[in-house]
Amino acid sequence: MGTGNREKLLEAARTCLFEKGYERTTVRDLATTAGVSMAAIGYHFGSKEALLNQALFEALDSGGQVFGPTEEGGDLGALWQRLIEAFSANRTFWLANLETVLRAQRDPELREQVAAGLRQGRSGMAREVTGTPEDELTEETVRGLGSVQLALLSGLMMQHITDPEAAPTADEVLAGIRALAARLPDEA
């Protein structure tokens, strides 16, 4: 059984997000890449934006397509190197991600989708760092470690998209984390 139009459109949207980004992708681009009529977008998704949003969230959820293959063991150096390589290799995709965050501030439904993605991202980042399956992570680990890792990821992504020549390397990120940790007060 062949791939249906809905699946073809989602694959086309992922392709367009990586090649053209969110704002530069047109309905015609999506339909042509999928090999379907432009009307199929409205039929299956309601709008170009809904299609692109779903494709973006699915790509982020899958991780491997945007971050590269996961390595076991929680090696932070390898993780940051992989993330930095993903920012460089998929600059257009990461820009689309930032565009979505900005658009979500004017669209309550999209904002809830982005918020749900952030919640899932915290859990995924905690898994990446600890090597612990997500369903075994404590809420404290997700909210603490996962949130900080996601915040570092977001800031590093913006630096690599905006000024890749001056953005920190994986070794510099690790050195910065060590310097921050050295300045933490003793626990009470």
N, C-alpha and C. Protein backbone atom coordinates (compact mmCIF):
# COMPACT_ATOMS: atom_id res chain seq x y z
N MET A 1 0.84 -1.18 0.00
CA MET A 1 0.00 0.00 0.00
C MET A 1 0.89 1.24 0.00
N GLY A 2 0.59 2.17 -0.87
CA GLY A 2 1.41 3.37 -1.01
C GLY A 2 1.18 4.37 0.11
N THR A 3 2.06 5.36 0.15
CA THR A 3 1.95 6.42 1.15
C THR A 3 0.79 7.33 0.78
N GLY A 4 -0.05 7.66 1.76
CA GLY A 4 -1.18 8.55 1.52
C GLY A 4 -0.75 10.00 1.42
N ASN A 5 -1.67 10.82 0.94
CA ASN A 5 -1.37 12.25 0.76
C ASN A 5 -0.99 12.93 2.07
N ARG A 6 -1.63 12.56 3.16
CA ARG A 6 -1.31 13.17 4.45
C ARG A 6 0.15 12.92 4.81
N GLU A 7 0.60 11.69 4.68
CA GLU A 7 1.99 11.35 4.99
C GLU A 7 2.96 12.01 4.02
N LYS A 8 2.56 12.06 2.75
CA LYS A 8 3.40 12.74 1.75
C LYS A 8 3.56 14.22 2.10
N LEU A 9 2.47 14.84 2.55
CA LEU A 9 2.52 16.26 2.92
C LEU A 9 3.40 16.48 4.16
N LEU A 10 3.31 15.61 5.13
CA LEU A 10 4.16 15.75 6.32
C LEU A 10 5.64 15.60 5.94
N GLU A 11 5.94 14.64 5.10
CA GLU A 11 7.34 14.46 4.66
C GLU A 11 7.79 15.68 3.85
N ALA A 12 6.93 16.18 2.99
CA ALA A 12 7.27 17.38 2.21
C ALA A 12 7.49 18.58 3.13
N ALA A 13 6.67 18.70 4.15
CA ALA A 13 6.82 19.82 5.09
C ALA A 13 8.14 19.72 5.83
N ARG A 14 8.52 18.52 6.27
CA ARG A 14 9.83 18.36 6.93
C ARG A 14 10.95 18.75 5.98
N THR A 15 10.86 18.30 4.74
CA THR A 15 11.88 18.64 3.74
C THR A 15 11.95 20.15 3.56
N CYS A 16 10.81 20.79 3.40
CA CYS A 16 10.78 22.25 3.20
C CYS A 16 11.31 23.00 4.42
N LEU A 17 10.98 22.52 5.63
CA LEU A 17 11.49 23.18 6.84
C LEU A 17 13.02 23.15 6.86
N PHE A 18 13.60 22.03 6.47
CA PHE A 18 15.06 21.91 6.47
C PHE A 18 15.70 22.70 5.33
N GLU A 19 15.02 22.77 4.19
CA GLU A 19 15.62 23.42 3.02
C GLU A 19 15.28 24.91 2.91
N LYS A 20 14.05 25.29 3.25
CA LYS A 20 13.61 26.67 3.02
C LYS A 20 13.27 27.42 4.31
N GLY A 21 12.96 26.67 5.36
CA GLY A 21 12.52 27.30 6.59
C GLY A 21 11.01 27.52 6.58
N TYR A 22 10.52 28.07 7.65
CA TYR A 22 9.07 28.22 7.84
C TYR A 22 8.50 29.33 6.95
N GLU A 23 9.05 30.51 7.09
CA GLU A 23 8.48 31.68 6.41
C GLU A 23 8.60 31.61 4.89
N ARG A 24 9.65 30.99 4.39
CA ARG A 24 9.87 30.96 2.94
C ARG A 24 9.16 29.80 2.24
N THR A 25 8.57 28.89 2.99
CA THR A 25 7.86 27.76 2.39
C THR A 25 6.46 28.20 1.99
N THR A 26 6.11 27.93 0.75
CA THR A 26 4.79 28.29 0.23
C THR A 26 3.91 27.04 0.11
N VAL A 27 2.62 27.28 -0.07
CA VAL A 27 1.69 26.18 -0.32
C VAL A 27 2.13 25.43 -1.57
N ARG A 28 2.53 26.14 -2.58
CA ARG A 28 2.99 25.51 -3.83
C ARG A 28 4.22 24.64 -3.57
N ASP A 29 5.16 25.12 -2.77
CA ASP A 29 6.35 24.31 -2.43
C ASP A 29 5.93 22.99 -1.81
N LEU A 30 5.02 23.07 -0.85
CA LEU A 30 4.58 21.86 -0.14
C LEU A 30 3.89 20.89 -1.08
N ALA A 31 2.97 21.39 -1.88
CA ALA A 31 2.23 20.53 -2.80
C ALA A 31 3.14 19.91 -3.85
N THR A 32 4.05 20.71 -4.41
CA THR A 32 4.98 20.21 -5.42
C THR A 32 5.90 19.15 -4.84
N THR A 33 6.45 19.42 -3.68
CA THR A 33 7.37 18.46 -3.04
C THR A 33 6.65 17.16 -2.71
N ALA A 34 5.38 17.25 -2.29
CA ALA A 34 4.60 16.07 -1.95
C ALA A 34 4.03 15.36 -3.17
N GLY A 35 3.95 16.09 -4.29
CA GLY A 35 3.34 15.51 -5.49
C GLY A 35 1.83 15.39 -5.37
N VAL A 36 1.23 16.37 -4.68
CA VAL A 36 -0.23 16.38 -4.49
C VAL A 36 -0.76 17.76 -4.88
N SER A 37 -2.07 17.89 -4.89
CA SER A 37 -2.67 19.19 -5.21
C SER A 37 -2.57 20.12 -4.01
N MET A 38 -2.60 21.41 -4.26
CA MET A 38 -2.57 22.39 -3.17
C MET A 38 -3.80 22.25 -2.27
N ALA A 39 -4.91 21.84 -2.83
CA ALA A 39 -6.13 21.66 -2.03
C ALA A 39 -5.97 20.57 -0.98
N ALA A 40 -5.08 19.62 -1.21
CA ALA A 40 -4.87 18.53 -0.25
C ALA A 40 -4.37 19.07 1.10
N ILE A 41 -3.66 20.18 1.08
CA ILE A 41 -3.17 20.77 2.33
C ILE A 41 -4.35 21.19 3.20
N GLY A 42 -5.28 21.91 2.61
CA GLY A 42 -6.47 22.34 3.35
C GLY A 42 -7.31 21.16 3.80
N TYR A 43 -7.44 20.17 2.94
CA TYR A 43 -8.25 19.00 3.28
C TYR A 43 -7.68 18.26 4.47
N HIS A 44 -6.37 18.02 4.49
CA HIS A 44 -5.75 17.20 5.53
C HIS A 44 -5.35 17.98 6.79
N PHE A 45 -4.99 19.27 6.61
CA PHE A 45 -4.44 20.01 7.74
C PHE A 45 -5.16 21.33 8.04
N GLY A 46 -5.95 21.81 7.12
CA GLY A 46 -6.66 23.06 7.34
C GLY A 46 -5.91 24.28 6.85
N SER A 47 -4.57 24.26 6.98
CA SER A 47 -3.77 25.39 6.54
C SER A 47 -2.31 24.98 6.39
N LYS A 48 -1.58 25.79 5.66
CA LYS A 48 -0.14 25.60 5.52
C LYS A 48 0.53 25.64 6.88
N GLU A 49 0.11 26.58 7.72
CA GLU A 49 0.71 26.75 9.04
C GLU A 49 0.51 25.51 9.91
N ALA A 50 -0.70 24.96 9.88
CA ALA A 50 -0.98 23.76 10.68
C ALA A 50 -0.12 22.59 10.21
N LEU A 51 0.06 22.45 8.92
CA LEU A 51 0.92 21.40 8.37
C LEU A 51 2.37 21.60 8.79
N LEU A 52 2.88 22.81 8.62
CA LEU A 52 4.27 23.08 9.00
C LEU A 52 4.48 22.91 10.49
N ASN A 53 3.53 23.35 11.31
CA ASN A 53 3.65 23.19 12.75
C ASN A 53 3.73 21.72 13.13
N GLN A 54 2.83 20.91 12.56
CA GLN A 54 2.84 19.49 12.89
C GLN A 54 4.16 18.85 12.46
N ALA A 55 4.64 19.18 11.28
CA ALA A 55 5.91 18.61 10.80
C ALA A 55 7.07 19.04 11.69
N LEU A 56 7.06 20.30 12.11
CA LEU A 56 8.12 20.80 12.99
C LEU A 56 8.11 20.07 14.32
N PHE A 57 6.93 19.93 14.95
CA PHE A 57 6.84 19.27 16.24
C PHE A 57 7.21 17.79 16.13
N GLU A 58 6.81 17.14 15.03
CA GLU A 58 7.18 15.74 14.85
C GLU A 58 8.68 15.59 14.67
N ALA A 59 9.30 16.50 13.94
CA ALA A 59 10.76 16.43 13.75
C ALA A 59 11.48 16.64 15.08
N LEU A 60 11.01 17.59 15.88
CA LEU A 60 11.62 17.82 17.19
C LEU A 60 11.39 16.63 18.11
N ASP A 61 10.21 16.04 18.03
CA ASP A 61 9.87 14.90 18.87
C ASP A 61 10.73 13.69 18.53
N SER A 62 11.04 13.52 17.25
CA SER A 62 11.83 12.35 16.84
C SER A 62 13.28 12.49 17.26
N GLY A 63 13.76 13.71 17.45
CA GLY A 63 15.13 13.93 17.91
C GLY A 63 16.19 13.57 16.91
N GLY A 64 16.24 12.32 16.48
CA GLY A 64 17.31 11.84 15.62
C GLY A 64 17.48 12.63 14.34
N GLN A 65 16.39 13.08 13.75
CA GLN A 65 16.49 13.83 12.50
C GLN A 65 17.14 15.19 12.71
N VAL A 66 16.92 15.78 13.88
CA VAL A 66 17.45 17.13 14.11
C VAL A 66 18.68 17.17 14.99
N PHE A 67 18.82 16.19 15.89
CA PHE A 67 19.96 16.17 16.81
C PHE A 67 21.03 15.17 16.42
N GLY A 68 20.71 14.26 15.52
CA GLY A 68 21.64 13.19 15.22
C GLY A 68 21.37 12.02 16.16
N PRO A 69 22.05 10.89 15.93
CA PRO A 69 21.79 9.70 16.73
C PRO A 69 22.17 9.90 18.19
N THR A 70 21.35 9.38 19.08
CA THR A 70 21.60 9.49 20.51
C THR A 70 22.70 8.52 20.91
N GLU A 71 23.58 8.99 21.75
CA GLU A 71 24.62 8.14 22.30
C GLU A 71 24.28 7.84 23.75
N GLU A 72 24.45 6.61 24.14
CA GLU A 72 24.15 6.21 25.52
C GLU A 72 25.24 6.72 26.46
N GLY A 73 24.89 6.85 27.73
CA GLY A 73 25.89 7.11 28.73
C GLY A 73 25.97 8.52 29.25
N GLY A 74 25.24 9.46 28.70
CA GLY A 74 25.23 10.81 29.24
C GLY A 74 26.54 11.56 29.11
N ASP A 75 27.30 11.34 28.04
CA ASP A 75 28.56 12.04 27.81
C ASP A 75 28.23 13.46 27.34
N LEU A 76 28.37 14.45 28.26
CA LEU A 76 28.00 15.83 27.94
C LEU A 76 28.84 16.41 26.81
N GLY A 77 30.10 16.09 26.75
CA GLY A 77 30.94 16.60 25.67
C GLY A 77 30.43 16.14 24.31
N ALA A 78 30.12 14.84 24.21
CA ALA A 78 29.60 14.28 22.96
C ALA A 78 28.23 14.87 22.64
N LEU A 79 27.40 15.04 23.67
CA LEU A 79 26.07 15.61 23.47
C LEU A 79 26.17 17.03 22.91
N TRP A 80 27.00 17.88 23.54
CA TRP A 80 27.09 19.26 23.07
C TRP A 80 27.71 19.33 21.69
N GLN A 81 28.66 18.47 21.39
CA GLN A 81 29.24 18.44 20.04
C GLN A 81 28.17 18.08 19.02
N ARG A 82 27.36 17.08 19.33
CA ARG A 82 26.29 16.65 18.43
C ARG A 82 25.26 17.76 18.23
N LEU A 83 24.90 18.46 19.31
CA LEU A 83 23.93 19.55 19.20
C LEU A 83 24.48 20.69 18.35
N ILE A 84 25.72 21.06 18.58
CA ILE A 84 26.34 22.14 17.79
C ILE A 84 26.41 21.76 16.32
N GLU A 85 26.74 20.52 16.04
CA GLU A 85 26.76 20.06 14.64
C GLU A 85 25.37 20.13 14.03
N ALA A 86 24.34 19.80 14.82
CA ALA A 86 22.96 19.87 14.33
C ALA A 86 22.57 21.31 14.01
N PHE A 87 22.99 22.26 14.86
CA PHE A 87 22.68 23.67 14.59
C PHE A 87 23.32 24.12 13.28
N SER A 88 24.55 23.69 13.05
CA SER A 88 25.27 24.10 11.85
C SER A 88 24.70 23.42 10.61
N ALA A 89 24.41 22.13 10.71
CA ALA A 89 23.94 21.37 9.56
C ALA A 89 22.51 21.72 9.18
N ASN A 90 21.71 22.14 10.15
CA ASN A 90 20.28 22.37 9.92
C ASN A 90 19.87 23.77 10.32
N ARG A 91 20.65 24.76 9.97
CA ARG A 91 20.40 26.14 10.38
C ARG A 91 18.99 26.61 10.03
N THR A 92 18.53 26.28 8.84
CA THR A 92 17.21 26.71 8.39
C THR A 92 16.12 26.10 9.26
N PHE A 93 16.28 24.84 9.63
CA PHE A 93 15.31 24.19 10.50
C PHE A 93 15.25 24.86 11.86
N TRP A 94 16.41 25.16 12.44
CA TRP A 94 16.43 25.78 13.77
C TRP A 94 15.88 27.20 13.72
N LEU A 95 16.09 27.89 12.63
CA LEU A 95 15.48 29.20 12.47
C LEU A 95 13.95 29.06 12.42
N ALA A 96 13.47 28.02 11.74
CA ALA A 96 12.02 27.76 11.71
C ALA A 96 11.50 27.50 13.11
N ASN A 97 12.28 26.82 13.92
CA ASN A 97 11.89 26.57 15.31
C ASN A 97 11.74 27.88 16.07
N LEU A 98 12.70 28.78 15.92
CA LEU A 98 12.61 30.08 16.59
C LEU A 98 11.44 30.91 16.07
N GLU A 99 11.20 30.85 14.77
CA GLU A 99 10.07 31.57 14.18
C GLU A 99 8.76 31.08 14.80
N THR A 100 8.67 29.78 15.04
CA THR A 100 7.46 29.21 15.62
C THR A 100 7.25 29.71 17.05
N VAL A 101 8.32 29.79 17.82
CA VAL A 101 8.21 30.31 19.19
C VAL A 101 7.68 31.74 19.16
N LEU A 102 8.18 32.56 18.25
CA LEU A 102 7.72 33.95 18.15
C LEU A 102 6.27 34.02 17.70
N ARG A 103 5.88 33.22 16.70
CA ARG A 103 4.50 33.23 16.23
C ARG A 103 3.54 32.77 17.33
N ALA A 104 4.02 31.86 18.19
CA ALA A 104 3.17 31.32 19.26
C ALA A 104 2.75 32.39 20.26
N GLN A 105 3.48 33.47 20.34
CA GLN A 105 3.12 34.52 21.27
C GLN A 105 1.86 35.26 20.85
N ARG A 106 1.45 35.10 19.60
CA ARG A 106 0.23 35.74 19.09
C ARG A 106 -0.89 34.73 18.81
N ASP A 107 -0.63 33.45 19.07
CA ASP A 107 -1.58 32.39 18.75
C ASP A 107 -1.70 31.45 19.95
N PRO A 108 -2.77 31.57 20.75
CA PRO A 108 -2.89 30.77 21.97
C PRO A 108 -2.81 29.25 21.73
N GLU A 109 -3.40 28.77 20.64
CA GLU A 109 -3.36 27.33 20.36
C GLU A 109 -1.92 26.89 20.06
N LEU A 110 -1.21 27.67 19.25
CA LEU A 110 0.17 27.34 18.95
C LEU A 110 1.04 27.47 20.20
N ARG A 111 0.75 28.47 21.02
CA ARG A 111 1.52 28.65 22.26
C ARG A 111 1.40 27.41 23.14
N GLU A 112 0.20 26.83 23.23
CA GLU A 112 0.03 25.61 24.03
C GLU A 112 0.80 24.45 23.41
N GLN A 113 0.83 24.36 22.09
CA GLN A 113 1.61 23.31 21.43
C GLN A 113 3.10 23.49 21.73
N VAL A 114 3.58 24.72 21.66
CA VAL A 114 5.00 24.99 21.95
C VAL A 114 5.29 24.68 23.41
N ALA A 115 4.38 25.07 24.31
CA ALA A 115 4.57 24.79 25.74
C ALA A 115 4.64 23.29 25.99
N ALA A 116 3.77 22.53 25.33
CA ALA A 116 3.80 21.07 25.47
C ALA A 116 5.13 20.52 24.94
N GLY A 117 5.60 21.09 23.84
CA GLY A 117 6.89 20.68 23.30
C GLY A 117 8.04 20.98 24.25
N LEU A 118 7.96 22.11 24.93
CA LEU A 118 9.00 22.46 25.91
C LEU A 118 8.98 21.49 27.09
N ARG A 119 7.78 21.12 27.53
CA ARG A 119 7.68 20.15 28.63
C ARG A 119 8.32 18.83 28.21
N GLN A 120 8.02 18.40 27.00
CA GLN A 120 8.61 17.16 26.50
C GLN A 120 10.12 17.33 26.29
N GLY A 121 10.54 18.52 25.85
CA GLY A 121 11.97 18.79 25.65
C GLY A 121 12.76 18.71 26.94
N ARG A 122 12.19 19.20 28.03
CA ARG A 122 12.86 19.10 29.33
C ARG A 122 13.11 17.64 29.70
N SER A 123 12.11 16.82 29.48
CA SER A 123 12.24 15.40 29.79
C SER A 123 13.28 14.74 28.87
N GLY A 124 13.24 15.08 27.59
CA GLY A 124 14.20 14.53 26.65
C GLY A 124 15.63 14.96 26.96
N MET A 125 15.81 16.21 27.36
CA MET A 125 17.15 16.67 27.70
C MET A 125 17.66 16.00 28.97
N ALA A 126 16.78 15.77 29.95
CA ALA A 126 17.19 15.06 31.16
C ALA A 126 17.60 13.62 30.81
N ARG A 127 16.86 13.00 29.90
CA ARG A 127 17.23 11.66 29.45
C ARG A 127 18.59 11.66 28.77
N GLU A 128 18.81 12.65 27.90
CA GLU A 128 20.09 12.74 27.19
C GLU A 128 21.27 12.86 28.14
N VAL A 129 21.11 13.66 29.18
CA VAL A 129 22.20 13.91 30.12
C VAL A 129 22.43 12.71 31.04
N THR A 130 21.35 12.12 31.54
CA THR A 130 21.49 11.06 32.54
C THR A 130 21.59 9.67 31.94
N GLY A 131 21.07 9.48 30.72
CA GLY A 131 21.01 8.14 30.15
C GLY A 131 19.88 7.31 30.73
N THR A 132 19.00 7.94 31.51
CA THR A 132 17.87 7.26 32.15
C THR A 132 16.64 7.36 31.25
N PRO A 133 15.92 6.25 31.05
CA PRO A 133 14.68 6.33 30.25
C PRO A 133 13.74 7.38 30.83
N GLU A 134 13.04 8.08 29.94
CA GLU A 134 12.18 9.18 30.39
C GLU A 134 11.14 8.75 31.41
N ASP A 135 10.58 7.57 31.27
CA ASP A 135 9.55 7.15 32.22
C ASP A 135 10.11 6.80 33.59
N GLU A 136 11.44 6.79 33.74
CA GLU A 136 12.06 6.52 35.03
C GLU A 136 12.63 7.79 35.68
N LEU A 137 12.56 8.91 35.00
CA LEU A 137 13.09 10.17 35.54
C LEU A 137 12.15 10.72 36.60
N THR A 138 12.73 11.31 37.64
CA THR A 138 11.90 11.98 38.64
C THR A 138 11.49 13.36 38.12
N GLU A 139 10.41 13.87 38.64
CA GLU A 139 9.95 15.22 38.27
C GLU A 139 11.02 16.25 38.63
N GLU A 140 11.70 16.05 39.75
CA GLU A 140 12.76 16.95 40.18
C GLU A 140 13.90 16.99 39.15
N THR A 141 14.27 15.84 38.61
CA THR A 141 15.33 15.78 37.60
C THR A 141 14.89 16.48 36.31
N VAL A 142 13.67 16.23 35.90
CA VAL A 142 13.15 16.86 34.68
C VAL A 142 13.08 18.37 34.85
N ARG A 143 12.51 18.83 35.97
CA ARG A 143 12.33 20.27 36.18
C ARG A 143 13.67 20.98 36.43
N GLY A 144 14.60 20.32 37.08
CA GLY A 144 15.90 20.94 37.35
C GLY A 144 16.87 20.75 36.21
N LEU A 145 17.40 19.55 36.10
CA LEU A 145 18.42 19.26 35.09
C LEU A 145 17.89 19.45 33.67
N GLY A 146 16.70 18.93 33.42
CA GLY A 146 16.12 19.05 32.07
C GLY A 146 15.88 20.49 31.67
N SER A 147 15.37 21.30 32.60
CA SER A 147 15.10 22.71 32.31
C SER A 147 16.38 23.49 32.03
N VAL A 148 17.41 23.24 32.84
CA VAL A 148 18.68 23.95 32.64
C VAL A 148 19.31 23.53 31.32
N GLN A 149 19.29 22.24 31.03
CA GLN A 149 19.87 21.75 29.77
C GLN A 149 19.12 22.35 28.58
N LEU A 150 17.79 22.42 28.67
CA LEU A 150 17.00 23.00 27.58
C LEU A 150 17.29 24.49 27.43
N ALA A 151 17.46 25.19 28.55
CA ALA A 151 17.80 26.62 28.48
C ALA A 151 19.17 26.81 27.82
N LEU A 152 20.13 25.98 28.17
CA LEU A 152 21.44 26.06 27.53
C LEU A 152 21.34 25.77 26.04
N LEU A 153 20.56 24.75 25.70
CA LEU A 153 20.36 24.39 24.30
C LEU A 153 19.77 25.56 23.52
N SER A 154 18.74 26.20 24.07
CA SER A 154 18.07 27.31 23.37
C SER A 154 19.03 28.48 23.15
N GLY A 155 19.76 28.84 24.19
CA GLY A 155 20.70 29.95 24.06
C GLY A 155 21.83 29.65 23.10
N LEU A 156 22.34 28.44 23.16
CA LEU A 156 23.42 28.04 22.26
C LEU A 156 22.93 28.00 20.82
N MET A 157 21.71 27.52 20.62
CA MET A 157 21.13 27.49 19.28
C MET A 157 21.05 28.91 18.72
N MET A 158 20.57 29.87 19.51
CA MET A 158 20.47 31.25 19.02
C MET A 158 21.84 31.81 18.66
N GLN A 159 22.85 31.50 19.47
CA GLN A 159 24.19 31.99 19.17
C GLN A 159 24.72 31.38 17.87
N HIS A 160 24.51 30.09 17.67
CA HIS A 160 25.02 29.43 16.46
C HIS A 160 24.26 29.85 15.21
N ILE A 161 23.00 30.18 15.34
CA ILE A 161 22.23 30.66 14.19
C ILE A 161 22.63 32.09 13.84
N THR A 162 22.81 32.92 14.86
CA THR A 162 23.06 34.34 14.66
C THR A 162 24.52 34.66 14.35
N ASP A 163 25.43 34.03 15.05
CA ASP A 163 26.86 34.36 14.91
C ASP A 163 27.70 33.09 15.05
N PRO A 164 27.61 32.20 14.06
CA PRO A 164 28.27 30.90 14.20
C PRO A 164 29.79 30.98 14.38
N GLU A 165 30.42 32.01 13.83
CA GLU A 165 31.88 32.12 13.95
C GLU A 165 32.31 32.41 15.39
N ALA A 166 31.50 33.12 16.14
CA ALA A 166 31.85 33.49 17.52
C ALA A 166 31.15 32.61 18.56
N ALA A 167 30.24 31.75 18.13
CA ALA A 167 29.51 30.90 19.08
C ALA A 167 30.46 29.90 19.72
N PRO A 168 30.19 29.52 20.97
CA PRO A 168 31.10 28.62 21.68
C PRO A 168 31.12 27.20 21.11
N THR A 169 32.26 26.57 21.26
CA THR A 169 32.42 25.16 20.90
C THR A 169 31.90 24.30 22.04
N ALA A 170 31.84 23.01 21.82
CA ALA A 170 31.41 22.09 22.88
C ALA A 170 32.36 22.17 24.07
N ASP A 171 33.66 22.25 23.82
CA ASP A 171 34.62 22.37 24.93
C ASP A 171 34.41 23.66 25.72
N GLU A 172 34.10 24.75 25.03
CA GLU A 172 33.85 26.02 25.72
C GLU A 172 32.57 25.96 26.53
N VAL A 173 31.56 25.28 26.02
CA VAL A 173 30.32 25.11 26.78
C VAL A 173 30.60 24.34 28.06
N LEU A 174 31.34 23.25 27.95
CA LEU A 174 31.68 22.46 29.14
C LEU A 174 32.50 23.27 30.13
N ALA A 175 33.45 24.05 29.64
CA ALA A 175 34.25 24.90 30.53
C ALA A 175 33.35 25.92 31.23
N GLY A 176 32.39 26.46 30.52
CA GLY A 176 31.45 27.41 31.12
C GLY A 176 30.58 26.76 32.18
N ILE A 177 30.12 25.55 31.92
CA ILE A 177 29.31 24.82 32.91
C ILE A 177 30.15 24.55 34.16
N ARG A 178 31.39 24.14 33.97
CA ARG A 178 32.28 23.91 35.12
C ARG A 178 32.49 25.20 35.92
N ALA A 179 32.70 26.31 35.21
CA ALA A 179 32.92 27.59 35.89
C ALA A 179 31.67 28.01 36.68
N LEU A 180 30.50 27.79 36.10
CA LEU A 180 29.26 28.09 36.84
C LEU A 180 29.13 27.20 38.07
N ALA A 181 29.39 25.90 37.90
CA ALA A 181 29.27 24.98 39.02
C ALA A 181 30.22 25.34 40.15
N ALA A 182 31.41 25.84 39.82
CA ALA A 182 32.39 26.23 40.85
C ALA A 182 31.91 27.42 41.67
N ARG A 183 30.97 28.17 41.12
CA ARG A 183 30.49 29.37 41.81
C ARG A 183 29.19 29.14 42.57
N LEU A 184 28.71 27.91 42.58
CA LEU A 184 27.48 27.62 43.29
C LEU A 184 27.73 27.65 44.79
N PRO A 185 26.80 28.19 45.56
CA PRO A 185 26.96 28.19 47.02
C PRO A 185 26.81 26.75 47.54
N ASP A 186 27.42 26.50 48.68
CA ASP A 186 27.25 25.20 49.31
C ASP A 186 25.78 25.01 49.66
N GLU A 187 25.33 23.76 49.57
CA GLU A 187 23.93 23.49 49.89
C GLU A 187 23.70 23.71 51.38
N ALA A 188 22.53 24.22 51.71
CA ALA A 188 22.18 24.48 53.12
C ALA A 188 21.71 23.23 53.81
